[in-house]
Amino acid sequence: MRSSQQIRVLAFDVFGTCVDWHGSIAREVNDLGLVGRQGAIDGAAFATALRAGYKPAMARVRSGELGWTKIDDLHRMILDGVLADIGVDLPEADRAYLNLAWHRLSPWPDTVSGLARLKSRFIITTLSNGNLGLLTNMAKAAGLPWDCILSAEVFRHYKPDPETYLGVCEVFDIKPSQMLMVACHKDDLRAAASHGCQTAFVERPLEFGAGVSVDLSVEADFQFHAVDFNDLADQLGC
């Protein structure tokens, strides 16, 4: 059932849900004009390759194969591997700058206005696997009006570990049913729901770039399904 009355805190996934990681990374790579062993590097393909390493890298931390490693450092490991695979010899200064592209991701057109509306009624916080410095720099650059920035780094666990969702509830001293997890990733929402949190699925059809199919179907287990943040604000009475 839809139950907005008891919601006190909205926790947001960030990569894909709030910001356009694929388009942002693709633009930065295209601007660099990288050339590999097969010729000019396509920014969109490069962004996709970087993201493909994201969950496997976190899985190494979650399994204990790696000790706690923040996303900036995992991103650098992934970046170095992709550059080696395609034969790009990028100087260290350029590698470091490109790795920080994740700090400069552009928001979706509805993100800032939608967050401002939602903030008028609820506490809004990140619940991202991104590290604190990354999320803070991103918020500053993109004008994201968070009340609080929470990260896997705070809990030393990556989503979908329960310590992340329940950690938000502990920070704000609320019941899981009083937290609404907002994401465009259904696996994130299913995990939050399994621990008693309410869920809102937000459509981001272009998360992986134009021409890539994304599952936007309705799932009855999610309390809310919105096309964007302003639509969600309408549904929540903001």
C-alpha atoms as a PDB file:
ATOM      1  CA  MET A   1       0.000   0.000   0.000  1.00  0.00           C
ATOM      2  CA  ARG A   2       1.046   3.607  -0.632  1.00  0.00           C
ATOM      3  CA  SER A   3       1.711   5.146   2.766  1.00  0.00           C
ATOM      4  CA  SER A   4       3.262   8.607   2.497  1.00  0.00           C
ATOM      5  CA  GLN A   5       1.929   9.825   5.853  1.00  0.00           C
ATOM      6  CA  GLN A   6       4.462   7.933   7.949  1.00  0.00           C
ATOM      7  CA  ILE A   7       7.492   8.707   5.734  1.00  0.00           C
ATOM      8  CA  ARG A   8      10.039  10.978   7.413  1.00  0.00           C
ATOM      9  CA  VAL A   9      13.230  10.443   5.410  1.00  0.00           C
ATOM     10  CA  LEU A  10      13.839   9.993   1.697  1.00  0.00           C
ATOM     11  CA  ALA A  11      17.111   8.195   0.946  1.00  0.00           C
ATOM     12  CA  PHE A  12      18.359   8.485  -2.625  1.00  0.00           C
ATOM     13  CA  ASP A  13      20.542   6.310  -4.726  1.00  0.00           C
ATOM     14  CA  VAL A  14      22.736   8.747  -6.675  1.00  0.00           C
ATOM     15  CA  PHE A  15      24.531   7.240  -9.701  1.00  0.00           C
ATOM     16  CA  GLY A  16      21.870   6.963 -12.386  1.00  0.00           C
ATOM     17  CA  THR A  17      19.004   8.022 -10.139  1.00  0.00           C
ATOM     18  CA  CYS A  18      20.105  11.625  -9.526  1.00  0.00           C
ATOM     19  CA  VAL A  19      22.910  12.110 -12.034  1.00  0.00           C
ATOM     20  CA  ASP A  20      23.667  11.033 -15.593  1.00  0.00           C
ATOM     21  CA  TRP A  21      26.871   9.050 -15.119  1.00  0.00           C
ATOM     22  CA  HIS A  22      26.903   7.601 -18.647  1.00  0.00           C
ATOM     23  CA  GLY A  23      26.421  10.841 -20.537  1.00  0.00           C
ATOM     24  CA  SER A  24      28.778  12.759 -18.250  1.00  0.00           C
ATOM     25  CA  ILE A  25      31.633  10.234 -18.494  1.00  0.00           C
ATOM     26  CA  ALA A  26      31.148   9.849 -22.239  1.00  0.00           C
ATOM     27  CA  ARG A  27      31.467  13.608 -22.764  1.00  0.00           C
ATOM     28  CA  GLU A  28      34.644  13.840 -20.689  1.00  0.00           C
ATOM     29  CA  VAL A  29      36.257  10.935 -22.529  1.00  0.00           C
ATOM     30  CA  ASN A  30      35.305  12.329 -25.926  1.00  0.00           C
ATOM     31  CA  ASP A  31      36.750  15.710 -24.919  1.00  0.00           C
ATOM     32  CA  LEU A  32      40.070  14.012 -24.089  1.00  0.00           C
ATOM     33  CA  GLY A  33      40.278  12.496 -27.582  1.00  0.00           C
ATOM     34  CA  LEU A  34      41.792   9.218 -26.383  1.00  0.00           C
ATOM     35  CA  VAL A  35      43.366   6.888 -28.934  1.00  0.00           C
ATOM     36  CA  GLY A  36      43.960   3.200 -28.277  1.00  0.00           C
ATOM     37  CA  ARG A  37      45.373   0.278 -30.206  1.00  0.00           C
ATOM     38  CA  GLN A  38      42.162   0.053 -32.266  1.00  0.00           C
ATOM     39  CA  GLY A  39      41.953   3.790 -32.958  1.00  0.00           C
ATOM     40  CA  ALA A  40      39.859   6.601 -31.474  1.00  0.00           C
ATOM     41  CA  ILE A  41      38.049   5.716 -28.245  1.00  0.00           C
ATOM     42  CA  ASP A  42      34.278   6.146 -28.180  1.00  0.00           C
ATOM     43  CA  GLY A  43      33.217   7.894 -24.993  1.00  0.00           C
ATOM     44  CA  ALA A  44      29.938   6.032 -24.658  1.00  0.00           C
ATOM     45  CA  ALA A  45      31.618   2.635 -24.956  1.00  0.00           C
ATOM     46  CA  PHE A  46      34.274   3.717 -22.474  1.00  0.00           C
ATOM     47  CA  ALA A  47      31.655   4.807 -19.932  1.00  0.00           C
ATOM     48  CA  THR A  48      29.892   1.465 -20.309  1.00  0.00           C
ATOM     49  CA  ALA A  49      33.155  -0.408 -19.777  1.00  0.00           C
ATOM     50  CA  LEU A  50      33.910   1.544 -16.602  1.00  0.00           C
ATOM     51  CA  ARG A  51      30.481   0.842 -15.171  1.00  0.00           C
ATOM     52  CA  ALA A  52      30.794  -2.866 -15.988  1.00  0.00           C
ATOM     53  CA  GLY A  53      33.573  -3.077 -13.413  1.00  0.00           C
ATOM     54  CA  TYR A  54      31.548  -1.377 -10.667  1.00  0.00           C
ATOM     55  CA  LYS A  55      29.604  -4.253  -9.122  1.00  0.00           C
ATOM     56  CA  PRO A  56      32.442  -6.812  -9.436  1.00  0.00           C
ATOM     57  CA  ALA A  57      34.793  -4.402  -7.648  1.00  0.00           C
ATOM     58  CA  MET A  58      32.339  -3.851  -4.805  1.00  0.00           C
ATOM     59  CA  ALA A  59      31.721  -7.594  -4.599  1.00  0.00           C
ATOM     60  CA  ARG A  60      35.410  -8.083  -3.826  1.00  0.00           C
ATOM     61  CA  VAL A  61      35.003  -5.783  -0.815  1.00  0.00           C
ATOM     62  CA  ARG A  62      31.689  -7.289   0.276  1.00  0.00           C
ATOM     63  CA  SER A  63      33.163 -10.808   0.121  1.00  0.00           C
ATOM     64  CA  GLY A  64      36.225  -9.835   2.169  1.00  0.00           C
ATOM     65  CA  GLU A  65      38.665 -10.419  -0.688  1.00  0.00           C
ATOM     66  CA  LEU A  66      39.568  -6.741  -0.362  1.00  0.00           C
ATOM     67  CA  GLY A  67      39.539  -4.766   2.838  1.00  0.00           C
ATOM     68  CA  TRP A  68      37.360  -1.681   3.000  1.00  0.00           C
ATOM     69  CA  THR A  69      38.118   0.307  -0.160  1.00  0.00           C
ATOM     70  CA  LYS A  70      36.280   3.512  -1.035  1.00  0.00           C
ATOM     71  CA  ILE A  71      34.691   3.992  -4.437  1.00  0.00           C
ATOM     72  CA  ASP A  72      37.270   6.547  -5.608  1.00  0.00           C
ATOM     73  CA  ASP A  73      39.944   3.875  -5.216  1.00  0.00           C
ATOM     74  CA  LEU A  74      37.802   1.154  -6.786  1.00  0.00           C
ATOM     75  CA  HIS A  75      37.067   3.497  -9.684  1.00  0.00           C
ATOM     76  CA  ARG A  76      40.798   4.026 -10.165  1.00  0.00           C
ATOM     77  CA  MET A  77      41.414   0.269 -10.251  1.00  0.00           C
ATOM     78  CA  ILE A  78      38.655  -0.108 -12.850  1.00  0.00           C
ATOM     79  CA  LEU A  79      39.939   2.839 -14.894  1.00  0.00           C
ATOM     80  CA  ASP A  80      43.488   1.495 -14.991  1.00  0.00           C
ATOM     81  CA  GLY A  81      42.174  -1.884 -16.135  1.00  0.00           C
ATOM     82  CA  VAL A  82      40.029  -0.426 -18.922  1.00  0.00           C
ATOM     83  CA  LEU A  83      42.879   1.767 -20.164  1.00  0.00           C
ATOM     84  CA  ALA A  84      45.192  -1.246 -20.259  1.00  0.00           C
ATOM     85  CA  ASP A  85      42.579  -3.345 -22.092  1.00  0.00           C
ATOM     86  CA  ILE A  86      42.157  -0.798 -24.888  1.00  0.00           C
ATOM     87  CA  GLY A  87      45.817   0.171 -25.087  1.00  0.00           C
ATOM     88  CA  VAL A  88      45.689   3.773 -23.863  1.00  0.00           C
ATOM     89  CA  ASP A  89      48.830   5.049 -22.140  1.00  0.00           C
ATOM     90  CA  LEU A  90      47.455   8.019 -20.229  1.00  0.00           C
ATOM     91  CA  PRO A  91      49.791  10.148 -18.059  1.00  0.00           C
ATOM     92  CA  GLU A  92      49.206   9.997 -14.315  1.00  0.00           C
ATOM     93  CA  ALA A  93      47.849  13.538 -14.060  1.00  0.00           C
ATOM     94  CA  ASP A  94      45.274  12.807 -16.768  1.00  0.00           C
ATOM     95  CA  ARG A  95      44.323   9.496 -15.135  1.00  0.00           C
ATOM     96  CA  ALA A  96      43.764  11.196 -11.806  1.00  0.00           C
ATOM     97  CA  TYR A  97      41.653  13.910 -13.436  1.00  0.00           C
ATOM     98  CA  LEU A  98      39.578  11.419 -15.412  1.00  0.00           C
ATOM     99  CA  ASN A  99      39.020   9.292 -12.322  1.00  0.00           C
ATOM    100  CA  LEU A 100      37.521  12.335 -10.616  1.00  0.00           C
ATOM    101  CA  ALA A 101      34.977  12.696 -13.441  1.00  0.00           C
ATOM    102  CA  TRP A 102      32.627  10.820 -11.102  1.00  0.00           C
ATOM    103  CA  HIS A 103      32.750  13.893  -8.849  1.00  0.00           C
ATOM    104  CA  ARG A 104      31.535  16.086 -11.723  1.00  0.00           C
ATOM    105  CA  LEU A 105      28.507  14.142 -12.986  1.00  0.00           C
ATOM    106  CA  SER A 106      25.638  16.224 -14.350  1.00  0.00           C
ATOM    107  CA  PRO A 107      22.169  15.978 -12.783  1.00  0.00           C
ATOM    108  CA  TRP A 108      19.130  14.926 -14.774  1.00  0.00           C
ATOM    109  CA  PRO A 109      16.975  17.929 -15.824  1.00  0.00           C
ATOM    110  CA  ASP A 110      14.382  17.273 -13.094  1.00  0.00           C
ATOM    111  CA  THR A 111      16.799  16.453 -10.270  1.00  0.00           C
ATOM    112  CA  VAL A 112      17.463  19.818  -8.639  1.00  0.00           C
ATOM    113  CA  SER A 113      13.907  21.137  -8.879  1.00  0.00           C
ATOM    114  CA  GLY A 114      12.437  17.810  -7.796  1.00  0.00           C
ATOM    115  CA  LEU A 115      14.766  17.491  -4.811  1.00  0.00           C
ATOM    116  CA  ALA A 116      13.920  21.041  -3.707  1.00  0.00           C
ATOM    117  CA  ARG A 117      10.213  20.169  -3.712  1.00  0.00           C
ATOM    118  CA  LEU A 118      10.751  16.905  -1.831  1.00  0.00           C
ATOM    119  CA  LYS A 119      12.987  18.675   0.684  1.00  0.00           C
ATOM    120  CA  SER A 120      10.139  21.051   1.535  1.00  0.00           C
ATOM    121  CA  ARG A 121       8.331  18.200   3.287  1.00  0.00           C
ATOM    122  CA  PHE A 122      10.899  15.497   4.032  1.00  0.00           C
ATOM    123  CA  ILE A 123      14.512  15.056   5.097  1.00  0.00           C
ATOM    124  CA  ILE A 124      16.418  14.122   1.956  1.00  0.00           C
ATOM    125  CA  THR A 125      19.714  12.253   2.138  1.00  0.00           C
ATOM    126  CA  THR A 126      21.943  10.295  -0.156  1.00  0.00           C
ATOM    127  CA  LEU A 127      22.387   6.574   0.344  1.00  0.00           C
ATOM    128  CA  SER A 128      25.046   5.899  -2.224  1.00  0.00           C
ATOM    129  CA  ASN A 129      27.982   3.603  -2.662  1.00  0.00           C
ATOM    130  CA  GLY A 130      29.971   6.694  -3.586  1.00  0.00           C
ATOM    131  CA  ASN A 131      32.365   7.942  -0.909  1.00  0.00           C
ATOM    132  CA  LEU A 132      31.776  11.089   1.121  1.00  0.00           C
ATOM    133  CA  GLY A 133      34.250  13.305  -0.704  1.00  0.00           C
ATOM    134  CA  LEU A 134      32.854  12.267  -4.077  1.00  0.00           C
ATOM    135  CA  LEU A 135      29.254  12.906  -3.057  1.00  0.00           C
ATOM    136  CA  THR A 136      30.093  16.251  -1.463  1.00  0.00           C
ATOM    137  CA  ASN A 137      31.999  17.481  -4.511  1.00  0.00           C
ATOM    138  CA  MET A 138      29.196  16.277  -6.779  1.00  0.00           C
ATOM    139  CA  ALA A 139      26.568  18.079  -4.691  1.00  0.00           C
ATOM    140  CA  LYS A 140      28.592  21.285  -4.780  1.00  0.00           C
ATOM    141  CA  ALA A 141      29.129  21.123  -8.550  1.00  0.00           C
ATOM    142  CA  ALA A 142      25.601  20.067  -9.479  1.00  0.00           C
ATOM    143  CA  GLY A 143      23.686  22.109  -6.890  1.00  0.00           C
ATOM    144  CA  LEU A 144      22.112  19.089  -5.196  1.00  0.00           C
ATOM    145  CA  PRO A 145      20.328  20.389  -2.065  1.00  0.00           C
ATOM    146  CA  TRP A 146      20.830  17.474   0.331  1.00  0.00           C
ATOM    147  CA  ASP A 147      19.973  17.809   4.002  1.00  0.00           C
ATOM    148  CA  CYS A 148      22.529  15.095   4.723  1.00  0.00           C
ATOM    149  CA  ILE A 149      25.094  13.055   2.810  1.00  0.00           C
ATOM    150  CA  LEU A 150      25.272   9.401   3.836  1.00  0.00           C
ATOM    151  CA  SER A 151      27.439   6.896   2.092  1.00  0.00           C
ATOM    152  CA  ALA A 152      28.509   3.288   2.208  1.00  0.00           C
ATOM    153  CA  GLU A 153      31.724   4.768   3.564  1.00  0.00           C
ATOM    154  CA  VAL A 154      29.879   5.754   6.772  1.00  0.00           C
ATOM    155  CA  PHE A 155      28.691   2.199   7.374  1.00  0.00           C
ATOM    156  CA  ARG A 156      31.725   0.402   5.889  1.00  0.00           C
ATOM    157  CA  HIS A 157      29.325  -1.686   3.850  1.00  0.00           C
ATOM    158  CA  TYR A 158      28.225  -1.440   0.239  1.00  0.00           C
ATOM    159  CA  LYS A 159      24.633  -1.743  -0.861  1.00  0.00           C
ATOM    160  CA  PRO A 160      22.803  -4.088  -0.846  1.00  0.00           C
ATOM    161  CA  ASP A 161      24.226  -5.052   2.565  1.00  0.00           C
ATOM    162  CA  PRO A 162      21.531  -4.479   5.211  1.00  0.00           C
ATOM    163  CA  GLU A 163      23.865  -2.250   7.252  1.00  0.00           C
ATOM    164  CA  THR A 164      23.384   0.490   4.635  1.00  0.00           C
ATOM    165  CA  TYR A 165      19.581   0.738   4.660  1.00  0.00           C
ATOM    166  CA  LEU A 166      19.239   0.071   8.376  1.00  0.00           C
ATOM    167  CA  GLY A 167      22.127   2.450   9.027  1.00  0.00           C
ATOM    168  CA  VAL A 168      20.115   5.335   7.608  1.00  0.00           C
ATOM    169  CA  CYS A 169      17.254   4.430   9.934  1.00  0.00           C
ATOM    170  CA  GLU A 170      19.657   4.383  12.882  1.00  0.00           C
ATOM    171  CA  VAL A 171      21.149   7.764  11.974  1.00  0.00           C
ATOM    172  CA  PHE A 172      17.703   9.396  11.978  1.00  0.00           C
ATOM    173  CA  ASP A 173      16.224   7.208  14.740  1.00  0.00           C
ATOM    174  CA  ILE A 174      13.318   6.059  12.579  1.00  0.00           C
ATOM    175  CA  LYS A 175      11.651   2.774  11.792  1.00  0.00           C
ATOM    176  CA  PRO A 176      12.415   1.248   8.369  1.00  0.00           C
ATOM    177  CA  SER A 177       8.798   1.908   7.361  1.00  0.00           C
ATOM    178  CA  GLN A 178       9.491   5.624   7.869  1.00  0.00           C
ATOM    179  CA  MET A 179      12.261   5.634   5.257  1.00  0.00           C
ATOM    180  CA  LEU A 180      11.529   5.801   1.546  1.00  0.00           C
ATOM    181  CA  MET A 181      14.337   4.464  -0.641  1.00  0.00           C
ATOM    182  CA  VAL A 182      14.341   6.247  -4.004  1.00  0.00           C
ATOM    183  CA  ALA A 183      16.198   4.629  -6.872  1.00  0.00           C
ATOM    184  CA  CYS A 184      16.097   3.751 -10.544  1.00  0.00           C
ATOM    185  CA  HIS A 185      17.648   0.343  -9.786  1.00  0.00           C
ATOM    186  CA  LYS A 186      15.177  -2.358  -8.867  1.00  0.00           C
ATOM    187  CA  ASP A 187      17.745  -4.544  -7.090  1.00  0.00           C
ATOM    188  CA  ASP A 188      18.490  -1.633  -4.731  1.00  0.00           C
ATOM    189  CA  LEU A 189      14.799  -1.179  -4.017  1.00  0.00           C
ATOM    190  CA  ARG A 190      14.158  -4.895  -3.499  1.00  0.00           C
ATOM    191  CA  ALA A 191      16.977  -5.000  -0.949  1.00  0.00           C
ATOM    192  CA  ALA A 192      15.599  -1.959   0.893  1.00  0.00           C
ATOM    193  CA  ALA A 193      12.106  -3.460   0.873  1.00  0.00           C
ATOM    194  CA  SER A 194      13.419  -6.726   2.309  1.00  0.00           C
ATOM    195  CA  HIS A 195      14.430  -4.772   5.435  1.00  0.00           C
ATOM    196  CA  GLY A 196      11.064  -3.061   5.825  1.00  0.00           C
ATOM    197  CA  CYS A 197      11.735   0.210   4.004  1.00  0.00           C
ATOM    198  CA  GLN A 198       9.255   1.823   1.657  1.00  0.00           C
ATOM    199  CA  THR A 199      10.359   2.142  -1.969  1.00  0.00           C
ATOM    200  CA  ALA A 200       9.974   4.493  -4.922  1.00  0.00           C
ATOM    201  CA  PHE A 201      11.072   3.452  -8.402  1.00  0.00           C
ATOM    202  CA  VAL A 202      12.027   6.411 -10.593  1.00  0.00           C
ATOM    203  CA  GLU A 203      12.354   5.893 -14.330  1.00  0.00           C
ATOM    204  CA  ARG A 204      15.696   6.777 -15.901  1.00  0.00           C
ATOM    205  CA  PRO A 205      15.387   5.370 -19.445  1.00  0.00           C
ATOM    206  CA  LEU A 206      18.649   6.989 -20.609  1.00  0.00           C
ATOM    207  CA  GLU A 207      20.834   5.841 -17.708  1.00  0.00           C
ATOM    208  CA  PHE A 208      22.928   3.584 -19.941  1.00  0.00           C
ATOM    209  CA  GLY A 209      22.753   5.823 -22.997  1.00  0.00           C
ATOM    210  CA  ALA A 210      20.446   6.152 -25.963  1.00  0.00           C
ATOM    211  CA  GLY A 211      19.290   2.932 -27.568  1.00  0.00           C
ATOM    212  CA  VAL A 212      19.890   0.777 -24.483  1.00  0.00           C
ATOM    213  CA  SER A 213      16.743  -0.928 -23.197  1.00  0.00           C
ATOM    214  CA  VAL A 214      15.876  -0.361 -19.520  1.00  0.00           C
ATOM    215  CA  ASP A 215      13.183  -2.220 -17.570  1.00  0.00           C
ATOM    216  CA  LEU A 216      10.604   0.415 -16.592  1.00  0.00           C
ATOM    217  CA  SER A 217       7.811  -1.994 -15.734  1.00  0.00           C
ATOM    218  CA  VAL A 218       5.644  -1.533 -12.656  1.00  0.00           C
ATOM    219  CA  GLU A 219       6.371  -3.787  -9.682  1.00  0.00           C
ATOM    220  CA  ALA A 220       3.563  -4.150  -7.175  1.00  0.00           C
ATOM    221  CA  ASP A 221       5.985  -4.473  -4.256  1.00  0.00           C
ATOM    222  CA  PHE A 222       7.170  -0.869  -4.741  1.00  0.00           C
ATOM    223  CA  GLN A 223       4.960   1.704  -3.040  1.00  0.00           C
ATOM    224  CA  PHE A 224       5.631   4.426  -5.634  1.00  0.00           C
ATOM    225  CA  HIS A 225       6.508   4.473  -9.338  1.00  0.00           C
ATOM    226  CA  ALA A 226       7.393   7.860 -10.826  1.00  0.00           C
ATOM    227  CA  VAL A 227       8.649   9.068 -14.191  1.00  0.00           C
ATOM    228  CA  ASP A 228      10.908  11.650 -12.503  1.00  0.00           C
ATOM    229  CA  PHE A 229      11.445  13.500  -9.221  1.00  0.00           C
ATOM    230  CA  ASN A 230       8.764  16.091  -9.910  1.00  0.00           C
ATOM    231  CA  ASP A 231       6.252  13.321 -10.509  1.00  0.00           C
ATOM    232  CA  LEU A 232       7.324  11.740  -7.212  1.00  0.00           C
ATOM    233  CA  ALA A 233       6.892  15.111  -5.487  1.00  0.00           C
ATOM    234  CA  ASP A 234       3.360  15.308  -6.871  1.00  0.00           C
ATOM    235  CA  GLN A 235       2.563  11.834  -5.535  1.00  0.00           C
ATOM    236  CA  LEU A 236       3.977  12.681  -2.103  1.00  0.00           C
ATOM    237  CA  GLY A 237       2.076  15.937  -1.848  1.00  0.00           C
ATOM    238  CA  CYS A 238       5.029  18.313  -2.096  1.00  0.00           C
END
